[in-house]
Amino acid sequence: LYHHFKTKNDIVHELMQQYGDDLVARYEQAAALGGTAIERLRRLFHACLEANLQNPDQEAILIRELDALFREPEFGYIHEMLVQIESLFVGVIQSGMESGEIRADIEVHFVYRMMMDVMGAVPRWYDPSQHAKDDVVEAWIDIFTCGVGRATTE
């Protein structure tokens, strides 16, 4: 292994640069296809689910190292990638707020980060024999758009 890579960081760079480029491309494509904000979020959720299931090791590295290794200046591209991704999701959420599809009284960056935390955990629990990918995404959309509380009768 160290014949091809001089350091552990070189290995991480190889994994994360490709993963980051792939993520940004997936999300840009999903957001660019048009439609309502909810339709674009559905595509973004699908893209995220697919990326996380296809690359569980890279996702785990991203989550585990975000507060430690990735603070080093040589990993600045990781932060740039995350800013790009957040901008895409936030833009879609904000457009939904403007169109009335999504509540306008929420803090959009908080919602984005909450969504990412939920989606990042999928490789730990997802079992294709128990959950269809489309069902997972539809459940996320339902919870995101309708919440989990019971409707109050007043």
N, C-alpha and C. Protein backbone atom coordinates (compact mmCIF):
# COMPACT_ATOMS: atom_id res chain seq x y z
N LEU A 1 0.82 -1.19 0.00
CA LEU A 1 0.00 0.00 0.00
C LEU A 1 0.87 1.26 0.00
N TYR A 2 1.88 1.24 0.85
CA TYR A 2 2.74 2.43 0.92
C TYR A 2 3.73 2.51 -0.24
N HIS A 3 3.71 1.52 -1.12
CA HIS A 3 4.46 1.63 -2.37
C HIS A 3 3.78 2.66 -3.28
N HIS A 4 2.45 2.72 -3.20
CA HIS A 4 1.67 3.64 -4.03
C HIS A 4 1.37 4.97 -3.35
N PHE A 5 1.37 4.96 -2.03
CA PHE A 5 1.06 6.16 -1.26
C PHE A 5 2.13 6.36 -0.20
N LYS A 6 2.58 7.60 -0.04
CA LYS A 6 3.64 7.88 0.92
C LYS A 6 3.11 7.98 2.35
N THR A 7 1.88 8.50 2.51
CA THR A 7 1.34 8.71 3.85
C THR A 7 -0.13 8.31 3.90
N LYS A 8 -0.64 8.21 5.12
CA LYS A 8 -2.07 7.94 5.31
C LYS A 8 -2.89 9.06 4.67
N ASN A 9 -2.45 10.29 4.82
CA ASN A 9 -3.18 11.42 4.23
C ASN A 9 -3.27 11.31 2.72
N ASP A 10 -2.23 10.78 2.08
CA ASP A 10 -2.28 10.59 0.62
C ASP A 10 -3.39 9.62 0.24
N ILE A 11 -3.58 8.58 1.04
CA ILE A 11 -4.66 7.62 0.80
C ILE A 11 -6.01 8.31 0.97
N VAL A 12 -6.13 9.08 2.03
CA VAL A 12 -7.38 9.80 2.29
C VAL A 12 -7.67 10.78 1.16
N HIS A 13 -6.64 11.50 0.70
CA HIS A 13 -6.84 12.42 -0.43
C HIS A 13 -7.39 11.69 -1.65
N GLU A 14 -6.81 10.55 -1.96
CA GLU A 14 -7.24 9.79 -3.14
C GLU A 14 -8.72 9.41 -3.02
N LEU A 15 -9.10 8.92 -1.87
CA LEU A 15 -10.49 8.52 -1.66
C LEU A 15 -11.44 9.72 -1.66
N MET A 16 -11.07 10.77 -0.96
CA MET A 16 -12.00 11.86 -0.73
C MET A 16 -12.13 12.80 -1.92
N GLN A 17 -11.08 13.01 -2.69
CA GLN A 17 -11.19 13.88 -3.86
C GLN A 17 -12.16 13.28 -4.87
N GLN A 18 -12.03 12.00 -5.14
CA GLN A 18 -12.94 11.35 -6.08
C GLN A 18 -14.36 11.34 -5.54
N TYR A 19 -14.51 11.03 -4.26
CA TYR A 19 -15.83 10.99 -3.64
C TYR A 19 -16.48 12.38 -3.66
N GLY A 20 -15.72 13.40 -3.31
CA GLY A 20 -16.23 14.77 -3.30
C GLY A 20 -16.66 15.22 -4.69
N ASP A 21 -15.84 14.95 -5.68
CA ASP A 21 -16.20 15.32 -7.06
C ASP A 21 -17.48 14.62 -7.50
N ASP A 22 -17.60 13.34 -7.14
CA ASP A 22 -18.79 12.57 -7.49
C ASP A 22 -20.03 13.13 -6.79
N LEU A 23 -19.91 13.45 -5.50
CA LEU A 23 -21.05 14.00 -4.76
C LEU A 23 -21.55 15.29 -5.38
N VAL A 24 -20.63 16.21 -5.61
CA VAL A 24 -21.02 17.51 -6.17
C VAL A 24 -21.70 17.31 -7.53
N ALA A 25 -21.14 16.46 -8.36
CA ALA A 25 -21.74 16.21 -9.68
C ALA A 25 -23.14 15.62 -9.56
N ARG A 26 -23.31 14.66 -8.66
CA ARG A 26 -24.63 14.04 -8.45
C ARG A 26 -25.66 15.09 -8.02
N TYR A 27 -25.27 15.91 -7.05
CA TYR A 27 -26.20 16.89 -6.50
C TYR A 27 -26.50 18.00 -7.50
N GLU A 28 -25.49 18.43 -8.24
CA GLU A 28 -25.75 19.45 -9.26
C GLU A 28 -26.73 18.94 -10.30
N GLN A 29 -26.54 17.70 -10.73
CA GLN A 29 -27.44 17.11 -11.73
C GLN A 29 -28.86 17.00 -11.16
N ALA A 30 -28.99 16.53 -9.92
CA ALA A 30 -30.31 16.36 -9.31
C ALA A 30 -31.04 17.69 -9.17
N ALA A 31 -30.32 18.73 -8.78
CA ALA A 31 -30.95 20.04 -8.57
C ALA A 31 -31.26 20.74 -9.90
N ALA A 32 -30.49 20.44 -10.93
CA ALA A 32 -30.63 21.16 -12.20
C ALA A 32 -31.78 20.66 -13.07
N LEU A 33 -32.35 19.53 -12.75
CA LEU A 33 -33.38 18.95 -13.61
C LEU A 33 -34.71 19.69 -13.57
N GLY A 34 -34.84 20.65 -12.69
CA GLY A 34 -36.07 21.44 -12.63
C GLY A 34 -37.17 20.76 -11.85
N GLY A 35 -38.35 21.35 -11.94
CA GLY A 35 -39.49 20.85 -11.19
C GLY A 35 -39.71 21.65 -9.92
N THR A 36 -40.62 21.17 -9.11
CA THR A 36 -40.90 21.86 -7.85
C THR A 36 -39.75 21.64 -6.88
N ALA A 37 -39.74 22.41 -5.82
CA ALA A 37 -38.69 22.24 -4.80
C ALA A 37 -38.76 20.83 -4.21
N ILE A 38 -39.94 20.33 -3.97
CA ILE A 38 -40.09 18.98 -3.39
C ILE A 38 -39.58 17.93 -4.38
N GLU A 39 -39.86 18.10 -5.67
CA GLU A 39 -39.34 17.16 -6.67
C GLU A 39 -37.81 17.20 -6.70
N ARG A 40 -37.24 18.40 -6.62
CA ARG A 40 -35.78 18.51 -6.62
C ARG A 40 -35.19 17.93 -5.34
N LEU A 41 -35.85 18.15 -4.19
CA LEU A 41 -35.37 17.54 -2.94
C LEU A 41 -35.44 16.02 -3.02
N ARG A 42 -36.51 15.49 -3.60
CA ARG A 42 -36.63 14.05 -3.77
C ARG A 42 -35.43 13.51 -4.56
N ARG A 43 -35.08 14.20 -5.65
CA ARG A 43 -33.92 13.76 -6.45
C ARG A 43 -32.62 13.91 -5.66
N LEU A 44 -32.49 14.99 -4.89
CA LEU A 44 -31.30 15.17 -4.06
C LEU A 44 -31.20 14.07 -3.01
N PHE A 45 -32.34 13.72 -2.40
CA PHE A 45 -32.34 12.63 -1.40
C PHE A 45 -31.95 11.31 -2.06
N HIS A 46 -32.49 11.05 -3.26
CA HIS A 46 -32.11 9.83 -3.99
C HIS A 46 -30.61 9.83 -4.28
N ALA A 47 -30.09 10.95 -4.75
CA ALA A 47 -28.66 11.03 -5.06
C ALA A 47 -27.82 10.80 -3.81
N CYS A 48 -28.25 11.36 -2.70
CA CYS A 48 -27.52 11.18 -1.45
C CYS A 48 -27.56 9.73 -0.99
N LEU A 49 -28.74 9.14 -1.04
CA LEU A 49 -28.88 7.74 -0.64
C LEU A 49 -28.00 6.84 -1.49
N GLU A 50 -28.05 7.02 -2.80
CA GLU A 50 -27.22 6.22 -3.70
C GLU A 50 -25.73 6.40 -3.40
N ALA A 51 -25.31 7.65 -3.24
CA ALA A 51 -23.89 7.92 -2.97
C ALA A 51 -23.46 7.29 -1.65
N ASN A 52 -24.29 7.40 -0.62
CA ASN A 52 -23.93 6.85 0.68
C ASN A 52 -23.88 5.34 0.66
N LEU A 53 -24.81 4.71 -0.06
CA LEU A 53 -24.82 3.26 -0.12
C LEU A 53 -23.71 2.71 -1.02
N GLN A 54 -23.34 3.46 -2.05
CA GLN A 54 -22.27 3.02 -2.94
C GLN A 54 -20.88 3.30 -2.35
N ASN A 55 -20.81 4.26 -1.43
CA ASN A 55 -19.52 4.68 -0.87
C ASN A 55 -19.58 4.78 0.65
N PRO A 56 -19.97 3.71 1.35
CA PRO A 56 -20.13 3.82 2.80
C PRO A 56 -18.82 4.14 3.52
N ASP A 57 -17.70 3.65 3.00
CA ASP A 57 -16.42 3.92 3.65
C ASP A 57 -16.03 5.38 3.54
N GLN A 58 -16.22 5.96 2.36
CA GLN A 58 -15.91 7.38 2.18
C GLN A 58 -16.83 8.24 3.04
N GLU A 59 -18.09 7.88 3.11
CA GLU A 59 -19.04 8.64 3.94
C GLU A 59 -18.62 8.56 5.40
N ALA A 60 -18.22 7.38 5.85
CA ALA A 60 -17.77 7.21 7.23
C ALA A 60 -16.52 8.04 7.50
N ILE A 61 -15.59 8.05 6.56
CA ILE A 61 -14.38 8.87 6.71
C ILE A 61 -14.77 10.34 6.81
N LEU A 62 -15.65 10.78 5.92
CA LEU A 62 -16.07 12.18 5.93
C LEU A 62 -16.67 12.56 7.28
N ILE A 63 -17.56 11.74 7.80
CA ILE A 63 -18.21 12.04 9.07
C ILE A 63 -17.21 12.01 10.22
N ARG A 64 -16.39 10.97 10.28
CA ARG A 64 -15.46 10.80 11.41
C ARG A 64 -14.33 11.82 11.43
N GLU A 65 -13.88 12.22 10.27
CA GLU A 65 -12.70 13.07 10.21
C GLU A 65 -13.01 14.55 10.03
N LEU A 66 -14.27 14.89 9.90
CA LEU A 66 -14.63 16.29 9.62
C LEU A 66 -14.12 17.24 10.69
N ASP A 67 -14.14 16.82 11.93
CA ASP A 67 -13.72 17.70 13.02
C ASP A 67 -12.25 17.55 13.40
N ALA A 68 -11.54 16.64 12.77
CA ALA A 68 -10.13 16.43 13.13
C ALA A 68 -9.24 16.60 11.90
N LEU A 69 -9.04 15.53 11.17
CA LEU A 69 -8.13 15.52 10.04
C LEU A 69 -8.47 16.58 9.01
N PHE A 70 -9.74 16.76 8.73
CA PHE A 70 -10.14 17.66 7.65
C PHE A 70 -10.03 19.13 8.04
N ARG A 71 -9.60 19.42 9.24
CA ARG A 71 -9.33 20.81 9.62
C ARG A 71 -7.96 21.27 9.12
N GLU A 72 -7.13 20.32 8.73
CA GLU A 72 -5.81 20.66 8.23
C GLU A 72 -5.94 21.38 6.89
N PRO A 73 -5.11 22.40 6.65
CA PRO A 73 -5.22 23.19 5.42
C PRO A 73 -5.16 22.36 4.13
N GLU A 74 -4.44 21.26 4.14
CA GLU A 74 -4.33 20.45 2.92
C GLU A 74 -5.67 19.83 2.51
N PHE A 75 -6.65 19.83 3.42
CA PHE A 75 -7.96 19.29 3.11
C PHE A 75 -8.98 20.39 2.89
N GLY A 76 -8.54 21.56 2.52
CA GLY A 76 -9.45 22.68 2.27
C GLY A 76 -10.49 22.36 1.22
N TYR A 77 -10.15 21.51 0.27
CA TYR A 77 -11.11 21.16 -0.78
C TYR A 77 -12.33 20.44 -0.20
N ILE A 78 -12.17 19.77 0.93
CA ILE A 78 -13.32 19.11 1.57
C ILE A 78 -14.34 20.17 2.00
N HIS A 79 -13.84 21.23 2.62
CA HIS A 79 -14.73 22.30 3.06
C HIS A 79 -15.38 23.02 1.87
N GLU A 80 -14.62 23.21 0.81
CA GLU A 80 -15.19 23.82 -0.40
C GLU A 80 -16.30 22.94 -0.97
N MET A 81 -16.09 21.63 -0.98
CA MET A 81 -17.09 20.69 -1.46
C MET A 81 -18.34 20.79 -0.60
N LEU A 82 -18.17 20.80 0.72
CA LEU A 82 -19.32 20.87 1.62
C LEU A 82 -20.08 22.18 1.46
N VAL A 83 -19.37 23.26 1.21
CA VAL A 83 -20.04 24.55 0.97
C VAL A 83 -20.86 24.48 -0.31
N GLN A 84 -20.30 23.87 -1.36
CA GLN A 84 -21.04 23.72 -2.62
C GLN A 84 -22.31 22.90 -2.41
N ILE A 85 -22.19 21.80 -1.70
CA ILE A 85 -23.33 20.92 -1.48
C ILE A 85 -24.39 21.63 -0.64
N GLU A 86 -23.95 22.30 0.42
CA GLU A 86 -24.90 23.03 1.25
C GLU A 86 -25.62 24.10 0.44
N SER A 87 -24.89 24.78 -0.41
CA SER A 87 -25.48 25.82 -1.24
C SER A 87 -26.57 25.25 -2.15
N LEU A 88 -26.32 24.09 -2.73
CA LEU A 88 -27.32 23.45 -3.59
C LEU A 88 -28.59 23.11 -2.82
N PHE A 89 -28.43 22.42 -1.69
CA PHE A 89 -29.59 22.03 -0.89
C PHE A 89 -30.33 23.26 -0.37
N VAL A 90 -29.58 24.22 0.17
CA VAL A 90 -30.20 25.42 0.73
C VAL A 90 -30.95 26.17 -0.36
N GLY A 91 -30.39 26.24 -1.55
CA GLY A 91 -31.07 26.92 -2.65
C GLY A 91 -32.41 26.27 -2.98
N VAL A 92 -32.43 24.95 -2.98
CA VAL A 92 -33.68 24.24 -3.27
C VAL A 92 -34.68 24.47 -2.14
N ILE A 93 -34.23 24.39 -0.90
CA ILE A 93 -35.13 24.61 0.24
C ILE A 93 -35.67 26.04 0.21
N GLN A 94 -34.80 27.00 -0.05
CA GLN A 94 -35.25 28.39 -0.10
C GLN A 94 -36.25 28.62 -1.23
N SER A 95 -36.04 27.98 -2.36
CA SER A 95 -37.00 28.14 -3.45
C SER A 95 -38.35 27.56 -3.05
N GLY A 96 -38.32 26.48 -2.28
CA GLY A 96 -39.57 25.91 -1.77
C GLY A 96 -40.24 26.81 -0.76
N MET A 97 -39.45 27.52 0.01
CA MET A 97 -40.00 28.48 0.97
C MET A 97 -40.67 29.63 0.21
N GLU A 98 -40.00 30.08 -0.84
CA GLU A 98 -40.53 31.20 -1.64
C GLU A 98 -41.81 30.80 -2.39
N SER A 99 -41.89 29.55 -2.82
CA SER A 99 -43.08 29.11 -3.56
C SER A 99 -44.21 28.67 -2.65
N GLY A 100 -43.94 28.57 -1.35
CA GLY A 100 -44.97 28.14 -0.41
C GLY A 100 -45.03 26.64 -0.21
N GLU A 101 -44.15 25.89 -0.85
CA GLU A 101 -44.12 24.43 -0.67
C GLU A 101 -43.54 24.04 0.68
N ILE A 102 -42.64 24.88 1.19
CA ILE A 102 -41.94 24.62 2.44
C ILE A 102 -42.18 25.82 3.36
N ARG A 103 -42.40 25.53 4.62
CA ARG A 103 -42.63 26.59 5.60
C ARG A 103 -41.55 27.65 5.51
N ALA A 104 -41.96 28.88 5.64
CA ALA A 104 -41.02 30.00 5.56
C ALA A 104 -40.44 30.39 6.91
N ASP A 105 -40.89 29.75 7.99
CA ASP A 105 -40.44 30.13 9.32
C ASP A 105 -39.34 29.23 9.87
N ILE A 106 -38.68 28.47 9.01
CA ILE A 106 -37.61 27.58 9.46
C ILE A 106 -36.25 28.20 9.14
N GLU A 107 -35.24 27.76 9.86
CA GLU A 107 -33.88 28.20 9.60
C GLU A 107 -33.29 27.21 8.61
N VAL A 108 -33.07 27.64 7.41
CA VAL A 108 -32.76 26.76 6.28
C VAL A 108 -31.45 25.99 6.48
N HIS A 109 -30.43 26.59 7.06
CA HIS A 109 -29.17 25.88 7.25
C HIS A 109 -29.31 24.79 8.32
N PHE A 110 -30.11 25.05 9.34
CA PHE A 110 -30.39 24.03 10.35
C PHE A 110 -31.07 22.83 9.71
N VAL A 111 -32.08 23.09 8.88
CA VAL A 111 -32.81 22.01 8.22
C VAL A 111 -31.87 21.22 7.33
N TYR A 112 -31.03 21.90 6.58
CA TYR A 112 -30.06 21.21 5.72
C TYR A 112 -29.17 20.29 6.54
N ARG A 113 -28.61 20.81 7.63
CA ARG A 113 -27.68 20.00 8.45
C ARG A 113 -28.39 18.81 9.09
N MET A 114 -29.63 19.02 9.50
CA MET A 114 -30.41 17.93 10.05
C MET A 114 -30.63 16.85 8.99
N MET A 115 -30.96 17.26 7.78
CA MET A 115 -31.16 16.30 6.69
C MET A 115 -29.88 15.52 6.41
N MET A 116 -28.75 16.20 6.38
CA MET A 116 -27.48 15.52 6.12
C MET A 116 -27.14 14.52 7.21
N ASP A 117 -27.42 14.87 8.46
CA ASP A 117 -27.15 13.93 9.56
C ASP A 117 -27.99 12.67 9.40
N VAL A 118 -29.25 12.83 9.04
CA VAL A 118 -30.13 11.68 8.85
C VAL A 118 -29.63 10.83 7.68
N MET A 119 -29.34 11.47 6.57
CA MET A 119 -28.94 10.72 5.38
C MET A 119 -27.56 10.08 5.54
N GLY A 120 -26.68 10.70 6.30
CA GLY A 120 -25.34 10.15 6.50
C GLY A 120 -25.34 8.87 7.31
N ALA A 121 -26.39 8.63 8.07
CA ALA A 121 -26.45 7.43 8.91
C ALA A 121 -26.96 6.20 8.17
N VAL A 122 -27.49 6.37 7.00
CA VAL A 122 -28.13 5.27 6.27
C VAL A 122 -27.24 4.03 6.11
N PRO A 123 -25.97 4.16 5.74
CA PRO A 123 -25.18 2.93 5.55
C PRO A 123 -25.10 2.06 6.81
N ARG A 124 -25.34 2.64 7.98
CA ARG A 124 -25.28 1.85 9.22
C ARG A 124 -26.52 0.99 9.43
N TRP A 125 -27.67 1.39 8.89
CA TRP A 125 -28.89 0.64 9.17
C TRP A 125 -29.61 0.10 7.94
N TYR A 126 -29.28 0.58 6.77
CA TYR A 126 -30.03 0.19 5.58
C TYR A 126 -29.84 -1.29 5.25
N ASP A 127 -30.95 -1.97 5.03
CA ASP A 127 -30.95 -3.38 4.64
C ASP A 127 -31.89 -3.50 3.45
N PRO A 128 -31.35 -3.75 2.25
CA PRO A 128 -32.20 -3.79 1.06
C PRO A 128 -33.27 -4.88 1.11
N SER A 129 -33.09 -5.88 1.96
CA SER A 129 -34.13 -6.91 2.08
C SER A 129 -35.32 -6.41 2.91
N GLN A 130 -35.14 -5.30 3.62
CA GLN A 130 -36.21 -4.76 4.45
C GLN A 130 -36.73 -3.41 3.96
N HIS A 131 -35.92 -2.69 3.18
CA HIS A 131 -36.29 -1.34 2.76
C HIS A 131 -35.96 -1.14 1.29
N ALA A 132 -36.93 -0.71 0.53
CA ALA A 132 -36.66 -0.30 -0.85
C ALA A 132 -36.14 1.14 -0.80
N LYS A 133 -35.18 1.46 -1.65
CA LYS A 133 -34.61 2.81 -1.66
C LYS A 133 -35.67 3.87 -1.89
N ASP A 134 -36.58 3.62 -2.82
CA ASP A 134 -37.64 4.59 -3.09
C ASP A 134 -38.51 4.82 -1.86
N ASP A 135 -38.76 3.75 -1.09
CA ASP A 135 -39.57 3.88 0.12
C ASP A 135 -38.85 4.73 1.18
N VAL A 136 -37.54 4.57 1.28
CA VAL A 136 -36.76 5.37 2.22
C VAL A 136 -36.85 6.84 1.84
N VAL A 137 -36.66 7.13 0.57
CA VAL A 137 -36.72 8.52 0.12
C VAL A 137 -38.12 9.10 0.32
N GLU A 138 -39.15 8.33 0.00
CA GLU A 138 -40.51 8.82 0.18
C GLU A 138 -40.82 9.07 1.66
N ALA A 139 -40.29 8.22 2.53
CA ALA A 139 -40.49 8.45 3.97
C ALA A 139 -39.79 9.73 4.40
N TRP A 140 -38.59 9.99 3.88
CA TRP A 140 -37.89 11.24 4.21
C TRP A 140 -38.69 12.44 3.73
N ILE A 141 -39.18 12.36 2.50
CA ILE A 141 -39.97 13.47 1.95
C ILE A 141 -41.21 13.68 2.80
N ASP A 142 -41.88 12.60 3.17
CA ASP A 142 -43.09 12.71 3.98
C ASP A 142 -42.78 13.36 5.34
N ILE A 143 -41.75 12.89 6.00
CA ILE A 143 -41.39 13.46 7.31
C ILE A 143 -40.96 14.91 7.13
N PHE A 144 -40.19 15.17 6.09
CA PHE A 144 -39.72 16.53 5.85
C PHE A 144 -40.87 17.49 5.58
N THR A 145 -41.84 17.05 4.79
CA THR A 145 -42.92 17.95 4.41
C THR A 145 -44.09 17.95 5.39
N CYS A 146 -44.31 16.84 6.10
CA CYS A 146 -45.48 16.75 6.99
C CYS A 146 -45.11 16.69 8.47
N GLY A 147 -43.87 16.36 8.78
CA GLY A 147 -43.46 16.24 10.18
C GLY A 147 -43.84 14.91 10.79
N VAL A 148 -43.68 14.81 12.09
CA VAL A 148 -44.00 13.57 12.78
C VAL A 148 -45.10 13.76 13.83
N GLY A 149 -45.45 15.00 14.11
CA GLY A 149 -46.48 15.26 15.13
C GLY A 149 -47.88 14.99 14.61
N ARG A 150 -48.76 14.72 15.52
CA ARG A 150 -50.17 14.54 15.16
C ARG A 150 -50.79 15.90 14.93
N ALA A 151 -51.70 15.95 14.00
CA ALA A 151 -52.41 17.20 13.75
C ALA A 151 -53.26 17.53 14.97
N THR A 152 -53.21 18.76 15.35
CA THR A 152 -54.03 19.19 16.50
C THR A 152 -55.43 19.55 16.03
N THR A 153 -56.38 19.27 16.86
CA THR A 153 -57.76 19.64 16.53
C THR A 153 -58.19 20.76 17.46
N GLU A 154 -58.37 21.89 16.91
CA GLU A 154 -58.76 23.06 17.71
C GLU A 154 -60.01 23.69 17.17
